[in-house]
Protein backbone atom coordinates (compact mmCIF):
# COMPACT_ATOMS: atom_id res chain seq x y z
CA MET A 1 -7.68 -3.21 9.51
CA PHE A 2 -8.32 -0.27 11.25
CA MET A 3 -8.83 0.16 15.32
CA GLN A 4 -10.49 3.22 16.32
CA LEU A 5 -8.78 4.31 19.36
CA PHE A 6 -10.13 7.97 19.75
CA ASP A 7 -12.91 9.74 17.98
CA GLU A 8 -11.19 11.16 16.01
CA TYR A 9 -9.75 9.27 13.06
CA ILE A 10 -6.44 11.40 12.54
CA TRP A 11 -5.47 10.99 16.47
CA SER A 12 -5.95 6.90 15.99
CA PHE A 13 -4.66 6.66 13.03
CA ASN A 14 -1.49 7.58 13.95
CA VAL A 15 -1.37 5.58 17.46
CA ILE A 16 -1.77 3.03 14.93
CA ARG A 17 1.24 4.15 12.53
CA VAL A 18 3.92 4.46 15.46
CA VAL A 19 2.46 1.20 16.99
CA SER A 20 3.50 -1.00 13.44
CA GLN A 21 7.02 1.04 13.49
CA ALA A 22 7.30 0.07 17.09
CA HIS A 23 7.93 -3.62 15.25
CA PHE A 24 10.77 -2.40 13.79
CA GLY A 25 12.20 0.08 16.79
CA GLY A 26 10.47 2.32 16.52
CA GLY A 27 8.62 2.41 20.06
CA GLN A 28 7.40 -0.36 22.45
CA PHE A 29 3.32 -1.14 22.60
CA SER A 30 3.42 -1.12 26.42
CA GLU A 31 4.97 2.70 26.03
CA ILE A 32 2.69 3.76 23.69
CA TYR A 33 -0.04 2.84 25.46
CA ASP A 34 0.96 4.19 28.65
CA VAL A 35 0.65 7.24 26.84
CA CYS A 36 -2.49 7.24 25.33
CA SER A 37 -3.77 5.82 28.58
CA ARG A 38 -2.92 9.66 29.81
CA ILE A 39 -4.26 11.59 26.62
CA GLU A 40 -7.26 13.93 27.48
CA ALA A 41 -9.37 12.65 23.83
CA GLY A 42 -9.88 15.72 21.77
CA ASP A 43 -7.21 17.91 23.53
CA ARG A 44 -3.79 18.90 21.52
CA GLU A 45 -2.19 19.87 24.19
CA SER A 46 -2.90 16.69 26.14
CA TRP A 47 -1.76 14.89 23.41
CA HIS A 48 1.61 17.04 23.13
CA GLU A 49 2.54 16.77 26.94
CA GLN A 50 2.11 13.17 26.95
CA TRP A 51 3.79 12.46 24.35
CA LYS A 52 6.38 14.65 25.61
CA ALA A 53 6.88 13.48 28.53
CA THR A 54 7.26 9.51 27.75
CA ALA A 55 10.30 11.07 24.87
CA GLY A 56 11.53 13.36 27.59
CA ALA A 57 12.15 10.23 29.79
CA THR A 58 12.87 8.16 27.14
CA GLU A 59 16.00 10.13 25.80
CA ALA A 60 17.41 10.56 29.48
CA GLU A 61 17.46 6.80 30.00
CA ALA A 62 18.79 6.30 26.33
CA GLY A 63 22.02 9.15 28.17
CA GLU A 64 22.51 6.93 31.43
CA ALA A 65 22.69 3.82 29.28
CA LEU A 66 25.10 5.17 27.02
CA ALA A 67 27.14 6.82 29.95
CA ALA A 68 26.87 3.42 31.27
CA GLY A 69 28.79 1.89 28.44
CA HIS A 70 25.45 0.12 27.85
CA THR A 71 25.20 0.54 24.26
CA VAL A 72 22.33 -1.78 22.98
CA SER A 73 20.08 -0.51 25.71
CA ALA A 74 20.88 3.50 24.43
CA VAL A 75 20.36 2.27 20.85
CA THR A 76 17.01 0.89 21.40
CA ARG A 77 15.88 3.88 23.97
CA TYR A 78 16.97 6.52 21.58
CA SER A 79 15.29 4.92 18.63
CA ARG A 80 11.65 4.90 20.53
CA ALA A 81 12.53 8.78 21.89
CA CYS A 82 13.21 9.95 18.24
CA GLU A 83 9.65 8.45 17.71
CA TYR A 84 8.09 9.87 20.78
CA TRP A 85 9.19 13.33 19.68
CA ARG A 86 8.02 12.82 16.45
CA MET A 87 4.45 12.17 18.14
CA ALA A 88 4.78 15.14 20.13
CA ASP A 89 4.96 17.15 17.56
CA PHE A 90 2.24 15.97 15.01
CA LEU A 91 -0.75 18.02 16.45
CA LEU A 92 1.07 21.13 16.82
CA ALA A 93 0.40 24.30 14.78
CA PRO A 94 3.22 24.63 12.52
CA ASP A 95 4.30 28.33 14.12
CA ASP A 96 4.01 27.11 17.55
CA PRO A 97 7.75 27.01 18.40
CA ARG A 98 7.08 23.49 20.41
CA ARG A 99 6.96 21.74 16.77
CA ARG A 100 10.64 22.79 16.12
CA ALA A 101 11.46 21.97 19.45
CA SER A 102 10.22 18.45 19.73
CA TYR A 103 11.62 17.63 15.65
CA ASP A 104 15.17 18.84 16.81
CA ARG A 105 15.15 16.11 19.72
CA SER A 106 13.62 13.66 17.11
CA VAL A 107 16.48 14.22 14.84
CA HIS A 108 19.03 14.31 18.03
CA CYS A 109 17.72 11.21 18.94
CA PHE A 110 17.80 9.38 15.56
CA THR A 111 21.39 10.51 15.44
CA ALA A 112 22.61 9.30 18.59
CA ALA A 113 20.86 5.90 17.90
CA MET A 114 22.98 5.45 14.31
CA GLY A 115 25.96 6.77 16.12
CA ALA A 116 25.92 4.43 18.94
CA ALA A 117 24.31 1.44 16.95
CA GLY A 118 27.60 1.91 14.42
CA ASN A 119 25.39 0.91 11.45
CA GLY A 120 27.05 2.74 8.59
CA VAL A 121 23.91 5.21 8.41
CA GLU A 122 24.96 8.63 7.51
CA ARG A 123 23.65 11.84 7.37
CA VAL A 124 23.83 13.54 3.88
CA GLU A 125 22.82 16.27 1.73
CA VAL A 126 20.93 16.11 -1.42
CA PRO A 127 21.62 19.31 -3.45
CA PHE A 128 18.91 21.18 -4.06
CA GLU A 129 18.20 24.78 -5.90
CA GLY A 130 20.66 26.53 -3.71
CA THR A 131 20.64 24.61 -0.71
CA ALA A 132 20.21 21.15 0.29
CA LEU A 133 17.69 18.71 1.49
CA PRO A 134 18.18 16.38 4.34
CA ALA A 135 18.62 12.76 4.18
CA TRP A 136 19.81 9.77 5.61
CA TRP A 137 22.08 6.94 3.39
CA VAL A 138 21.50 3.38 5.41
CA PRO A 139 23.86 0.90 3.87
CA GLY A 140 22.07 -2.73 2.85
CA ARG A 141 22.66 -5.63 5.08
CA GLY A 142 26.33 -6.78 4.90
CA GLN A 143 27.44 -3.78 2.47
CA LYS A 144 30.86 -2.55 2.69
CA PRO A 145 31.84 1.19 2.24
CA GLY A 146 32.10 1.16 -1.81
CA GLU A 147 30.33 -1.77 -2.76
CA LYS A 148 27.85 -0.86 -5.22
CA ARG A 149 24.46 -2.08 -4.46
CA PRO A 150 20.59 -1.61 -6.08
CA THR A 151 19.35 1.26 -4.02
CA VAL A 152 15.48 2.49 -3.33
CA VAL A 153 15.38 6.14 -3.15
CA PHE A 154 12.57 6.65 -0.65
CA PHE A 155 10.33 9.86 -0.12
CA GLY A 156 7.29 9.66 2.46
CA GLY A 157 4.29 12.02 2.39
CA ALA A 158 2.70 14.79 3.72
CA ASP A 159 3.44 14.65 7.39
CA SER A 160 6.46 12.08 7.21
CA THR A 161 9.72 12.53 8.26
CA ALA A 162 12.84 10.93 7.32
CA GLU A 163 13.54 9.58 10.76
CA GLU A 164 10.40 7.84 10.72
CA LEU A 165 10.89 6.19 7.55
CA TYR A 166 13.70 4.08 9.05
CA PHE A 167 11.25 2.92 11.40
CA THR A 168 8.64 2.06 8.24
CA ALA A 169 10.61 0.41 5.64
CA PRO A 170 13.54 -1.75 7.35
CA GLY A 171 12.72 -4.40 4.60
CA ILE A 172 14.86 -2.29 2.02
CA THR A 173 18.05 -3.23 3.90
CA ASP A 174 17.31 -6.66 5.19
CA ARG A 175 17.45 -7.36 1.42
CA GLY A 176 20.99 -6.35 0.91
CA LEU A 177 19.66 -3.31 -0.82
CA GLY A 178 21.10 -0.04 -0.42
CA CYS A 179 18.58 3.12 0.98
CA LEU A 180 18.55 6.37 0.24
CA ILE A 181 16.17 8.16 2.85
CA VAL A 182 15.03 11.90 1.68
CA ASP A 183 12.83 14.82 3.69
CA GLY A 184 11.73 16.44 0.35
CA PRO A 185 10.29 19.72 -0.15
CA GLY A 186 7.18 19.78 2.32
CA GLN A 187 8.80 16.89 4.43
CA GLY A 188 11.06 16.67 7.84
CA GLY A 189 13.53 19.33 7.77
CA ALA A 190 13.36 20.45 4.32
CA LEU A 191 9.95 22.10 5.76
CA ARG A 192 10.70 22.71 9.36
CA ILE A 193 14.32 24.07 8.72
CA GLY A 194 14.76 24.51 5.32
CA GLY A 195 10.89 26.28 4.68
CA ILE A 196 10.91 24.89 1.80
CA PRO A 197 6.99 24.18 0.64
CA SER A 198 5.76 21.17 -1.00
CA ARG A 199 5.45 20.94 -5.14
CA TYR A 200 3.79 19.57 -8.00
CA ASP A 201 6.39 19.25 -9.87
CA TYR A 202 7.87 16.58 -7.64
CA GLU A 203 10.46 14.99 -10.48
CA VAL A 204 12.57 17.99 -9.60
CA PRO A 205 13.61 17.27 -6.39
CA VAL A 206 13.34 13.56 -6.73
CA THR A 207 15.67 14.22 -9.96
CA ALA A 208 17.80 15.66 -7.31
CA ALA A 209 17.80 12.73 -5.34
CA VAL A 210 18.96 10.38 -8.20
CA ASP A 211 21.67 13.12 -9.39
CA TYR A 212 23.29 12.61 -5.97
CA ALA A 213 23.17 8.99 -5.56
CA LEU A 214 24.82 8.80 -8.79
CA THR A 215 27.67 10.20 -7.41
CA ARG A 216 28.13 7.57 -4.51
CA PRO A 217 30.47 4.99 -4.78
CA ASP A 218 28.06 2.59 -3.19
CA VAL A 219 24.94 2.81 -5.58
CA ASP A 220 24.78 0.58 -8.47
CA THR A 221 23.79 3.14 -11.43
CA GLU A 222 21.87 0.63 -13.37
CA ALA A 223 19.54 -0.35 -10.31
CA LEU A 224 17.74 2.46 -8.74
CA VAL A 225 14.08 1.96 -7.32
CA LEU A 226 11.84 5.16 -6.70
CA CYS A 227 9.28 4.26 -3.13
CA SER A 228 7.03 6.96 -1.88
CA MET A 229 3.97 6.48 0.27
CA SER A 230 0.58 8.26 1.29
CA LEU A 231 0.78 11.72 -0.45
CA GLY A 232 3.98 10.39 -2.05
CA GLY A 233 1.64 7.94 -4.19
CA TYR A 234 1.28 11.30 -6.32
CA TYR A 235 4.94 12.29 -5.94
CA ALA A 236 6.20 8.26 -6.99
CA GLY A 237 3.76 8.60 -10.11
CA ARG A 238 4.66 12.07 -11.21
CA ALA A 239 8.45 11.69 -10.62
CA ALA A 240 8.69 8.40 -12.61
CA ALA A 241 6.50 9.70 -15.61
CA PHE A 242 9.61 12.50 -16.16
CA GLU A 243 12.73 11.29 -14.63
CA HIS A 244 13.49 8.11 -16.31
CA ARG A 245 16.35 6.42 -14.68
CA PHE A 246 15.09 4.09 -12.38
CA ALA A 247 14.53 0.26 -12.70
CA ALA A 248 11.38 0.43 -10.95
CA THR A 249 8.68 2.35 -9.22
CA VAL A 250 6.39 1.89 -6.22
CA ILE A 251 3.45 3.62 -5.18
CA TRP A 252 2.76 2.85 -1.76
CA GLY A 253 -0.87 4.33 -1.15
CA ALA A 254 -1.73 6.03 -4.66
CA CYS A 255 -2.69 9.58 -4.60
CA TYR A 256 -4.07 9.98 -8.33
CA ASP A 257 -5.64 13.59 -7.19
CA TYR A 258 -4.68 15.09 -4.15
CA SER A 259 -7.58 17.97 -4.65
CA GLU A 260 -10.06 15.15 -4.66
CA VAL A 261 -9.16 13.73 -1.13
CA TRP A 262 -9.77 17.53 0.38
CA GLU A 263 -13.19 18.24 -1.20
CA LYS A 264 -15.15 16.10 2.05
CA ARG A 265 -12.90 17.55 4.31
CA PRO A 266 -13.85 21.05 6.46
CA ASP A 267 -11.65 23.81 6.47
CA ASP A 268 -11.48 22.79 10.42
CA HIS A 269 -9.97 19.36 9.66
CA PRO A 270 -7.19 18.26 12.19
CA LEU A 271 -4.55 18.43 9.68
CA ALA A 272 -5.95 22.17 7.79
CA ASP A 273 -3.04 23.78 9.61
CA HIS A 274 -0.21 21.60 8.51
CA MET A 275 -1.80 22.00 4.55
CA THR A 276 -1.19 25.53 5.12
CA SER A 277 2.41 24.87 6.27
CA LEU A 278 2.59 21.87 3.68
CA PHE A 279 1.97 24.56 0.58
CA GLY A 280 3.60 27.66 1.78
CA THR A 281 0.20 29.17 1.72
CA GLU A 282 -1.92 31.48 4.26
CA THR A 283 -5.28 30.11 4.26
CA ILE A 284 -6.96 26.87 3.85
CA GLY A 285 -8.17 27.53 0.73
CA GLU A 286 -5.54 28.90 -0.67
CA ALA A 287 -4.05 25.17 -0.13
CA ARG A 288 -6.94 23.87 -1.76
CA GLU A 289 -6.09 25.85 -4.63
CA VAL A 290 -2.31 24.46 -4.83
CA MET A 291 -3.89 20.96 -4.15
CA LYS A 292 -5.49 21.12 -7.73
CA THR A 293 -2.63 21.01 -9.39
CA PHE A 294 -1.32 17.94 -7.94
CA SER A 295 -2.82 15.23 -9.81
CA LEU A 296 -1.54 12.41 -12.28
CA ARG A 297 -4.03 13.05 -14.90
CA GLY A 298 -2.76 12.48 -18.29
CA ILE A 299 0.85 11.98 -17.57
CA LEU A 300 0.98 8.32 -16.08
CA ASP A 301 1.01 6.74 -19.70
CA GLN A 302 5.30 8.29 -19.46
CA VAL A 303 6.07 6.04 -16.99
CA ARG A 304 8.21 3.66 -18.55
CA CYS A 305 9.55 1.54 -15.47
CA PRO A 306 7.81 -1.66 -13.59
CA THR A 307 5.32 0.12 -11.38
CA LEU A 308 4.03 -1.01 -8.40
CA VAL A 309 0.23 0.04 -6.69
CA ILE A 310 -0.41 -1.19 -3.72
CA HIS A 311 -3.19 -0.03 -1.56
CA GLY A 312 -5.38 -0.92 1.29
CA GLU A 313 -9.10 -1.26 0.75
CA ASP A 314 -10.21 0.14 3.99
CA ASP A 315 -7.94 3.04 3.58
CA ARG A 316 -9.66 5.94 4.93
CA SER A 317 -7.42 8.99 4.18
CA VAL A 318 -7.48 7.88 0.03
CA PRO A 319 -10.07 5.99 -1.38
CA VAL A 320 -8.71 2.98 -3.04
CA SER A 321 -10.45 4.22 -6.72
CA HIS A 322 -7.09 6.31 -6.94
CA ALA A 323 -5.44 3.26 -6.83
CA GLN A 324 -7.22 1.44 -9.47
CA ARG A 325 -7.24 4.86 -11.69
CA THR A 326 -3.50 4.79 -11.05
CA TYR A 327 -3.48 1.35 -12.39
CA ASP A 328 -5.63 1.62 -15.12
CA GLU A 329 -3.73 4.74 -16.84
CA LEU A 330 -0.17 3.20 -16.55
CA THR A 331 0.56 1.64 -19.31
CA CYS A 332 4.49 0.15 -18.51
CA GLU A 333 4.82 -3.74 -16.89
CA LYS A 334 2.56 -2.94 -13.62
CA GLU A 335 0.59 -4.92 -11.03
CA LEU A 336 -1.58 -3.80 -8.51
CA MET A 337 -2.06 -4.96 -4.86
CA LEU A 338 -5.10 -4.31 -2.77
CA ILE A 339 -5.49 -5.80 0.62
CA PRO A 340 -8.64 -6.75 1.05
CA SER A 341 -11.15 -4.98 3.27
CA GLY A 342 -11.17 -6.31 6.67
CA THR A 343 -7.76 -7.70 6.77
CA PRO A 344 -4.35 -6.67 8.47
CA GLY A 345 -2.64 -4.35 5.87
CA SER A 346 -6.38 -2.63 4.39
CA ALA A 347 -5.63 0.70 6.30
CA HIS A 348 -3.77 3.80 4.98
CA CYS A 349 -0.37 2.62 3.22
CA GLN A 350 -0.90 -0.80 5.09
CA GLN A 351 0.33 1.18 8.47
CA ASP A 352 -2.16 -1.60 10.34
CA ASP A 353 0.74 -4.25 9.18
CA LEU A 354 4.18 -2.79 7.96
CA SER A 355 5.09 -6.21 8.32
CA MET A 356 2.97 -7.44 5.50
CA ALA A 357 3.99 -4.64 3.65
CA ASN A 358 7.54 -5.21 3.90
CA GLU A 359 7.36 -8.24 2.79
CA LEU A 360 4.88 -7.97 -0.43
CA ILE A 361 6.82 -4.10 -1.69
CA PHE A 362 10.22 -5.76 -1.05
CA ASP A 363 9.76 -8.77 -2.82
CA TRP A 364 8.15 -7.60 -5.81
CA VAL A 365 11.25 -4.93 -5.77
CA LEU A 366 13.93 -7.84 -5.67
CA ASP A 367 11.91 -9.56 -7.85
CA ARG A 368 12.17 -6.74 -10.68
CA LEU A 369 15.76 -6.17 -9.78
CA ASP A 370 16.37 -10.04 -10.44
CA TRP A 371 19.18 -9.61 -7.97
CA SER A 372 19.95 -11.10 -4.30
CA ALA A 373 22.58 -9.85 -1.71
CA PRO A 374 25.50 -11.96 -1.21
CA ASP A 375 24.46 -13.66 1.69
CA GLY A 376 21.40 -14.61 0.25
CA ALA A 377 18.64 -11.83 1.74
């Protein structure tokens, strides 16, 4: 169920996105509403400046709270500031220096929040083709250092950051599962700092993440789960077809053919600049050519592990037909969950009801693993 807050869909969708994440600490509704009330519709500079103002103020308040010994307030404020800085980054051109500056502030605030929380969240690096992919290790609820637990390897989509994903799927660790959140090629720090564009053969970075996960003493090597969302619906399907060490796969928002998604989008689409950055091209026309390689056609019968495909019927980013085609071509144990039109969760990747999405997806994961946390999560 999608609510149009601005004339431009992308603007509205991204506000809904942070509102839903606010339920898990990545914002506060009144603050978000206040920012939106100050934004001049259609003005990207206004979008950046208003999110930046609230991000900066919230970050400053977090620092003051920490200095005064109010650790809990510091954690909640740094967490909100992390997401507000991400929002300030979102509509900036890839070559705008403020984009990197906003991203750096977002990561700084997330790091400060996790450090103050003392919750065992750890910044790690996944070795990858002579460099590294930035990632976060998030232990499951009650997990002790060195205690082996089933683990979800979690990737985002075309415009996500690893820090954002922490506020998207806490249902993983709430259920006692470990979680490795990775900025893959084209995402977060891999793109903004490492300059690593996306690639069609996403099994390569996913395999690198698996190789890293299996070196950790807190990962059950027989119980790895792959989860990826949005454009990650393509990434997960592609990776699971060639990387067979997963016990289950979640396609959170299907993407059967990314070129088809962009067929009716104009060259001046709000995300066009991001597409050139995502794929490492000079023009949107060149990006469209790269997109043609991002298709699951002819490979889904190679997926071996149980696979969940979940999609909203009101998804305006990727038509629901992509979910049906993905499901139809899978030959493994599979399940298709379609969130009915007009109900909460029917928007793209259930960003309009992340609570429900976490319940459906990660209960399904627990059932596939036939596992429960020692404390009954």
